[in-house]
Amino acid sequence: MLPGMNQKQLQQAMKKLGVKQEEIQASEVIIKCNNKNLVIKNPNILKVNMMGQESLQITGEIQEETITEEDITTVAEQSQTTKEEAKKALKETNGDLAAAILKLSH
C-alpha cells in the first residue's frame, strides 16, 4: 500500500485508472506442474483486471507435493487397492509408481 493512503482511497484511485479488483474465496489452490503440485493452503486470492488483462495474485501457505492425485489413482487401480494404501506405498517408494505397484501386488 502507498504511504499515507488508506485502503478506500487506494481502491478509488485504482478505479479511476481502470483497475478492477475482486477477491475470490477459496480453501485451497493447486498448481499442477510437470513433476509436482504446488498446494496453497488458506489462500488470499485477488483477481485484478487492468485494461482488459486479467491476473491473479495468490498468497498463502505453499506446500510442495511430489505425489499427485493422478499417481495415487494409477497405483490404486493397477494394484487393486485403496487410494490410501496407494498413497502410503508411493510415499514409501519416493513417488516411484512401478515400485509402489509391485509393493502392493505382493
Protein backbone atom coordinates (compact mmCIF):
# COMPACT_ATOMS: atom_id res chain seq x y z
CA MET A 1 0.00 0.00 0.00
CA LEU A 2 1.13 3.56 -0.60
CA PRO A 3 2.25 5.52 2.47
CA GLY A 4 -0.39 7.92 3.80
CA MET A 5 -3.20 6.44 1.70
CA ASN A 6 -5.90 4.27 3.25
CA GLN A 7 -7.39 1.20 1.55
CA LYS A 8 -10.54 3.02 0.41
CA GLN A 9 -8.51 5.86 -1.20
CA LEU A 10 -6.29 3.31 -2.92
CA GLN A 11 -9.31 1.46 -4.33
CA GLN A 12 -10.81 4.72 -5.61
CA ALA A 13 -7.53 5.71 -7.27
CA MET A 14 -7.23 2.29 -8.93
CA LYS A 15 -10.84 2.51 -10.12
CA LYS A 16 -10.07 5.87 -11.78
CA LEU A 17 -7.15 4.20 -13.56
CA GLY A 18 -9.46 1.44 -14.85
CA VAL A 19 -8.14 -1.23 -12.49
CA LYS A 20 -10.82 -3.55 -11.11
CA GLN A 21 -10.18 -5.89 -8.20
CA GLU A 22 -12.22 -8.82 -6.98
CA GLU A 23 -11.49 -11.06 -4.02
CA ILE A 24 -12.02 -14.77 -4.69
CA GLN A 25 -12.92 -17.08 -1.81
CA ALA A 26 -11.17 -20.48 -1.82
CA SER A 27 -9.91 -23.00 0.71
CA GLU A 28 -7.06 -24.34 -1.43
CA VAL A 29 -5.28 -23.62 -4.73
CA ILE A 30 -3.45 -26.35 -6.64
CA ILE A 31 -0.92 -25.52 -9.34
CA LYS A 32 -0.11 -28.63 -11.37
CA CYS A 33 3.46 -28.75 -12.67
CA ASN A 34 5.11 -31.50 -14.72
CA ASN A 35 6.73 -33.30 -11.79
CA LYS A 36 4.97 -31.89 -8.74
CA ASN A 37 1.98 -29.96 -7.46
CA LEU A 38 2.15 -26.72 -5.53
CA VAL A 39 -0.65 -26.62 -2.97
CA ILE A 40 -1.51 -23.26 -1.42
CA LYS A 41 -3.49 -23.65 1.81
CA ASN A 42 -5.63 -20.82 3.22
CA PRO A 43 -5.10 -18.66 0.12
CA ASN A 44 -5.86 -14.99 -0.28
CA ILE A 45 -6.75 -14.55 -3.94
CA LEU A 46 -7.14 -11.21 -5.66
CA LYS A 47 -8.34 -11.11 -9.28
CA VAL A 48 -7.14 -7.93 -10.97
CA ASN A 49 -8.40 -6.62 -14.32
CA MET A 50 -6.20 -3.88 -15.73
CA MET A 51 -7.11 -2.58 -19.19
CA GLY A 52 -8.63 -5.93 -20.20
CA GLN A 53 -5.77 -8.06 -18.89
CA GLU A 54 -6.76 -10.35 -16.03
CA SER A 55 -4.28 -11.66 -13.49
CA LEU A 56 -4.40 -13.39 -10.13
CA GLN A 57 -2.40 -12.56 -7.04
CA ILE A 58 -2.26 -15.53 -4.68
CA THR A 59 -0.70 -15.59 -1.23
CA GLY A 60 -0.87 -18.31 1.40
CA GLU A 61 0.88 -21.33 2.87
CA ILE A 62 2.71 -23.03 -0.04
CA GLN A 63 3.39 -26.76 0.14
CA GLU A 64 5.06 -28.93 -2.48
CA GLU A 65 3.54 -32.30 -3.37
CA THR A 66 5.60 -34.68 -5.48
CA ILE A 67 2.90 -37.34 -5.37
CA THR A 68 -0.08 -36.30 -7.47
CA GLU A 69 -3.69 -37.45 -7.23
CA GLU A 70 -3.28 -38.94 -10.71
CA ASP A 71 -0.34 -41.05 -9.48
CA ILE A 72 -2.36 -42.27 -6.50
CA THR A 73 -5.28 -43.24 -8.73
CA THR A 74 -2.99 -45.09 -11.16
CA VAL A 75 -1.30 -47.09 -8.41
CA ALA A 76 -4.63 -47.89 -6.72
CA GLU A 77 -6.16 -49.12 -9.99
CA GLN A 78 -3.14 -51.13 -11.09
CA SER A 79 -2.62 -52.80 -7.71
CA GLN A 80 -6.36 -53.11 -6.98
CA THR A 81 -6.02 -51.40 -3.59
CA THR A 82 -7.44 -48.31 -1.93
CA LYS A 83 -6.17 -44.81 -2.59
CA GLU A 84 -4.93 -44.59 0.99
CA GLU A 85 -2.79 -47.73 0.52
CA ALA A 86 -1.56 -46.42 -2.83
CA LYS A 87 -0.58 -43.07 -1.33
CA LYS A 88 1.30 -44.78 1.51
CA ALA A 89 3.17 -47.03 -0.95
CA LEU A 90 4.08 -44.04 -3.13
CA LYS A 91 5.49 -42.21 -0.10
CA GLU A 92 7.50 -45.30 0.88
CA THR A 93 8.93 -45.59 -2.65
CA ASN A 94 9.60 -41.85 -3.06
CA GLY A 95 6.93 -41.50 -5.74
CA ASP A 96 8.11 -44.44 -7.89
CA LEU A 97 4.88 -45.69 -9.49
CA ALA A 98 6.26 -49.06 -10.66
CA ALA A 99 7.84 -49.82 -7.28
CA ALA A 100 4.65 -48.85 -5.47
CA ILE A 101 2.53 -51.11 -7.70
CA LEU A 102 4.93 -54.02 -7.22
CA LYS A 103 5.00 -53.45 -3.45
CA LEU A 104 1.20 -53.59 -3.25
CA SER A 105 0.84 -56.52 -5.65
CA HIS A 106 2.78 -58.93 -3.43
